[in-house]
């Protein structure tokens, strides 16, 4: 999702919305180049798909960590 998509979704929020809307890359652990958008690899060579998938994977792991920290009872314990 990029900033334009985020802005559109924010426009759909109702007054009683209490959730969070953020770019997935915000949750990426470790260093990133400051670019919070996930690039679209469609016009690049095939190797860029792996780069994008790795960014999504790392960001999802960070999101899960954030959810566990902020809401420890929301996910089942192992």
N, C-alpha and C. Protein backbone atom coordinates (compact mmCIF):
# COMPACT_ATOMS: atom_id res chain seq x y z
N UNK A 1 0.85 -1.16 0.00
CA UNK A 1 0.00 0.00 0.00
C UNK A 1 0.90 1.23 0.00
N UNK A 2 0.52 2.22 -0.74
CA UNK A 2 1.30 3.44 -0.74
C UNK A 2 0.50 4.56 -0.07
N UNK A 3 1.09 5.72 -0.05
CA UNK A 3 0.48 6.85 0.65
C UNK A 3 -0.88 7.24 0.06
N UNK A 4 -1.06 7.09 -1.23
CA UNK A 4 -2.35 7.42 -1.85
C UNK A 4 -3.42 6.46 -1.38
N UNK A 5 -3.13 5.15 -1.37
CA UNK A 5 -4.09 4.16 -0.88
C UNK A 5 -4.44 4.42 0.59
N UNK A 6 -3.43 4.75 1.38
CA UNK A 6 -3.66 5.02 2.80
C UNK A 6 -4.59 6.22 2.98
N UNK A 7 -4.35 7.25 2.22
CA UNK A 7 -5.20 8.44 2.31
C UNK A 7 -6.65 8.12 1.93
N UNK A 8 -6.84 7.30 0.92
CA UNK A 8 -8.19 6.90 0.51
C UNK A 8 -8.88 6.13 1.65
N UNK A 9 -8.16 5.16 2.23
CA UNK A 9 -8.73 4.39 3.34
C UNK A 9 -9.05 5.28 4.54
N UNK A 10 -8.19 6.25 4.82
CA UNK A 10 -8.45 7.16 5.92
C UNK A 10 -9.72 7.97 5.69
N UNK A 11 -10.02 8.23 4.44
CA UNK A 11 -11.24 8.95 4.11
C UNK A 11 -12.51 8.15 4.37
N UNK A 12 -12.40 6.84 4.43
CA UNK A 12 -13.56 5.97 4.69
C UNK A 12 -13.83 5.78 6.19
N UNK A 13 -12.91 6.25 7.03
CA UNK A 13 -13.11 6.06 8.47
C UNK A 13 -14.37 6.77 8.94
N UNK A 14 -15.09 6.09 9.82
CA UNK A 14 -16.26 6.69 10.44
C UNK A 14 -15.85 7.32 11.77
N UNK A 15 -16.75 8.11 12.34
CA UNK A 15 -16.44 8.79 13.61
C UNK A 15 -16.16 7.81 14.74
N UNK A 16 -16.72 6.62 14.67
CA UNK A 16 -16.53 5.65 15.75
C UNK A 16 -15.34 4.70 15.49
N UNK A 17 -14.58 4.93 14.43
CA UNK A 17 -13.41 4.10 14.13
C UNK A 17 -12.33 4.34 15.18
N UNK A 18 -11.87 3.27 15.79
CA UNK A 18 -10.83 3.42 16.82
C UNK A 18 -9.57 2.63 16.47
N UNK A 19 -9.51 2.08 15.28
CA UNK A 19 -8.36 1.29 14.86
C UNK A 19 -7.23 2.14 14.34
N UNK A 20 -6.25 1.47 13.78
CA UNK A 20 -5.09 2.15 13.22
C UNK A 20 -4.99 1.84 11.73
N UNK A 21 -4.62 2.82 10.96
CA UNK A 21 -4.32 2.63 9.54
C UNK A 21 -2.90 3.14 9.32
N UNK A 22 -2.02 2.24 8.96
CA UNK A 22 -0.62 2.61 8.73
C UNK A 22 -0.08 1.83 7.55
N UNK A 23 0.99 2.30 7.00
CA UNK A 23 1.67 1.58 5.94
C UNK A 23 2.37 0.36 6.53
N UNK A 24 2.33 -0.76 5.84
CA UNK A 24 2.91 -2.00 6.33
C UNK A 24 4.40 -1.84 6.63
N UNK A 25 5.11 -1.10 5.81
CA UNK A 25 6.55 -0.94 5.99
C UNK A 25 6.90 -0.24 7.31
N UNK A 26 5.95 0.42 7.94
CA UNK A 26 6.20 1.05 9.23
C UNK A 26 6.61 0.00 10.27
N UNK A 27 6.16 -1.22 10.07
CA UNK A 27 6.42 -2.28 11.04
C UNK A 27 7.67 -3.09 10.71
N UNK A 28 8.34 -2.76 9.62
CA UNK A 28 9.53 -3.52 9.23
C UNK A 28 10.62 -3.31 10.27
N UNK A 29 11.13 -4.41 10.78
CA UNK A 29 12.19 -4.37 11.78
C UNK A 29 13.52 -4.05 11.10
N UNK A 30 14.38 -3.39 11.80
CA UNK A 30 15.70 -3.11 11.27
C UNK A 30 15.70 -1.90 10.34
N UNK A 31 16.78 -1.76 9.64
CA UNK A 31 16.97 -0.58 8.80
C UNK A 31 16.16 -0.68 7.52
N UNK A 32 15.56 0.43 7.14
CA UNK A 32 15.01 0.58 5.80
C UNK A 32 15.41 1.96 5.33
N UNK A 33 15.33 2.17 4.08
CA UNK A 33 15.87 3.39 3.50
C UNK A 33 15.00 4.63 3.70
N UNK A 34 14.05 4.56 4.61
CA UNK A 34 13.15 5.68 4.85
C UNK A 34 11.94 5.67 3.95
N UNK A 35 11.96 4.83 2.94
CA UNK A 35 10.83 4.71 2.03
C UNK A 35 9.83 3.73 2.64
N UNK A 36 8.65 4.22 2.99
CA UNK A 36 7.65 3.40 3.65
C UNK A 36 6.72 2.69 2.67
N UNK A 37 6.97 2.83 1.38
CA UNK A 37 6.13 2.19 0.37
C UNK A 37 6.77 0.88 -0.08
N UNK A 38 5.92 -0.08 -0.37
CA UNK A 38 6.39 -1.34 -0.94
C UNK A 38 6.38 -1.16 -2.46
N UNK A 39 7.53 -1.31 -3.09
CA UNK A 39 7.59 -1.06 -4.53
C UNK A 39 6.81 -2.10 -5.34
N UNK A 40 6.30 -1.67 -6.46
CA UNK A 40 5.63 -2.58 -7.39
C UNK A 40 6.69 -3.11 -8.35
N UNK A 41 6.94 -4.41 -8.33
CA UNK A 41 8.05 -4.95 -9.12
C UNK A 41 7.69 -5.30 -10.57
N UNK A 42 6.49 -4.96 -10.99
CA UNK A 42 5.98 -5.45 -12.27
C UNK A 42 6.76 -4.95 -13.48
N UNK A 43 7.37 -3.80 -13.37
CA UNK A 43 8.12 -3.26 -14.51
C UNK A 43 9.61 -3.54 -14.38
N UNK A 44 9.98 -4.28 -13.36
CA UNK A 44 11.38 -4.62 -13.12
C UNK A 44 11.65 -6.05 -13.56
N UNK A 45 12.90 -6.48 -13.39
CA UNK A 45 13.18 -7.87 -13.72
C UNK A 45 12.69 -8.80 -12.61
N UNK A 46 12.69 -10.07 -12.89
CA UNK A 46 12.10 -11.07 -12.00
C UNK A 46 12.72 -11.08 -10.60
N UNK A 47 13.98 -10.72 -10.48
CA UNK A 47 14.65 -10.75 -9.18
C UNK A 47 14.03 -9.76 -8.18
N UNK A 48 13.37 -8.73 -8.68
CA UNK A 48 12.78 -7.74 -7.78
C UNK A 48 11.58 -8.29 -7.01
N UNK A 49 10.95 -9.34 -7.53
CA UNK A 49 9.84 -9.95 -6.80
C UNK A 49 10.31 -10.50 -5.46
N UNK A 50 11.48 -11.11 -5.44
CA UNK A 50 12.04 -11.63 -4.18
C UNK A 50 12.32 -10.50 -3.20
N UNK A 51 12.84 -9.40 -3.70
CA UNK A 51 13.12 -8.24 -2.85
C UNK A 51 11.83 -7.74 -2.21
N UNK A 52 10.78 -7.62 -3.02
CA UNK A 52 9.49 -7.14 -2.52
C UNK A 52 8.90 -8.13 -1.53
N UNK A 53 8.94 -9.42 -1.84
CA UNK A 53 8.40 -10.43 -0.93
C UNK A 53 9.15 -10.43 0.40
N UNK A 54 10.45 -10.22 0.37
CA UNK A 54 11.22 -10.15 1.61
C UNK A 54 10.81 -8.94 2.45
N UNK A 55 10.58 -7.81 1.80
CA UNK A 55 10.13 -6.62 2.53
C UNK A 55 8.76 -6.86 3.16
N UNK A 56 7.87 -7.48 2.42
CA UNK A 56 6.52 -7.78 2.95
C UNK A 56 6.64 -8.76 4.12
N UNK A 57 7.45 -9.80 3.96
CA UNK A 57 7.64 -10.79 5.01
C UNK A 57 8.18 -10.13 6.28
N UNK A 58 9.24 -9.36 6.15
CA UNK A 58 9.84 -8.69 7.30
C UNK A 58 8.85 -7.73 7.97
N UNK A 59 8.09 -7.04 7.17
CA UNK A 59 7.10 -6.10 7.70
C UNK A 59 5.98 -6.84 8.44
N UNK A 60 5.55 -7.97 7.91
CA UNK A 60 4.51 -8.77 8.58
C UNK A 60 5.01 -9.30 9.91
N UNK A 61 6.26 -9.74 9.97
CA UNK A 61 6.83 -10.18 11.24
C UNK A 61 6.85 -9.04 12.25
N UNK A 62 7.19 -7.86 11.80
CA UNK A 62 7.17 -6.69 12.67
C UNK A 62 5.76 -6.34 13.13
N UNK A 63 4.79 -6.48 12.25
CA UNK A 63 3.40 -6.21 12.60
C UNK A 63 2.92 -7.20 13.66
N UNK A 64 3.25 -8.47 13.48
CA UNK A 64 2.87 -9.48 14.48
C UNK A 64 3.51 -9.17 15.83
N UNK A 65 4.76 -8.78 15.82
CA UNK A 65 5.44 -8.41 17.05
C UNK A 65 4.76 -7.21 17.72
N UNK A 66 4.38 -6.23 16.92
CA UNK A 66 3.68 -5.05 17.43
C UNK A 66 2.35 -5.45 18.06
N UNK A 67 1.60 -6.30 17.38
CA UNK A 67 0.29 -6.74 17.90
C UNK A 67 0.48 -7.49 19.22
N UNK A 68 1.46 -8.38 19.27
CA UNK A 68 1.72 -9.12 20.50
C UNK A 68 2.09 -8.18 21.65
N UNK A 69 2.85 -7.15 21.36
CA UNK A 69 3.27 -6.21 22.39
C UNK A 69 2.12 -5.34 22.87
N UNK A 70 1.35 -4.83 21.92
CA UNK A 70 0.27 -3.90 22.26
C UNK A 70 -0.98 -4.61 22.79
N UNK A 71 -1.20 -5.84 22.37
CA UNK A 71 -2.40 -6.60 22.74
C UNK A 71 -2.00 -8.03 23.07
N UNK A 72 -1.35 -8.26 24.20
CA UNK A 72 -0.80 -9.59 24.47
C UNK A 72 -1.84 -10.70 24.54
N UNK A 73 -3.08 -10.38 24.78
CA UNK A 73 -4.12 -11.42 24.90
C UNK A 73 -4.83 -11.73 23.58
N UNK A 74 -4.47 -11.03 22.51
CA UNK A 74 -5.20 -11.19 21.25
C UNK A 74 -4.79 -12.44 20.48
N UNK A 75 -3.55 -12.86 20.62
CA UNK A 75 -3.05 -14.02 19.88
C UNK A 75 -2.92 -15.22 20.82
N UNK A 76 -3.19 -16.42 20.32
CA UNK A 76 -3.05 -17.60 21.18
C UNK A 76 -1.60 -17.79 21.62
N UNK A 77 -1.45 -18.27 22.81
CA UNK A 77 -0.11 -18.56 23.31
C UNK A 77 0.33 -19.92 22.83
N UNK A 78 1.61 -20.09 22.61
CA UNK A 78 2.16 -21.39 22.17
C UNK A 78 2.61 -22.17 23.34
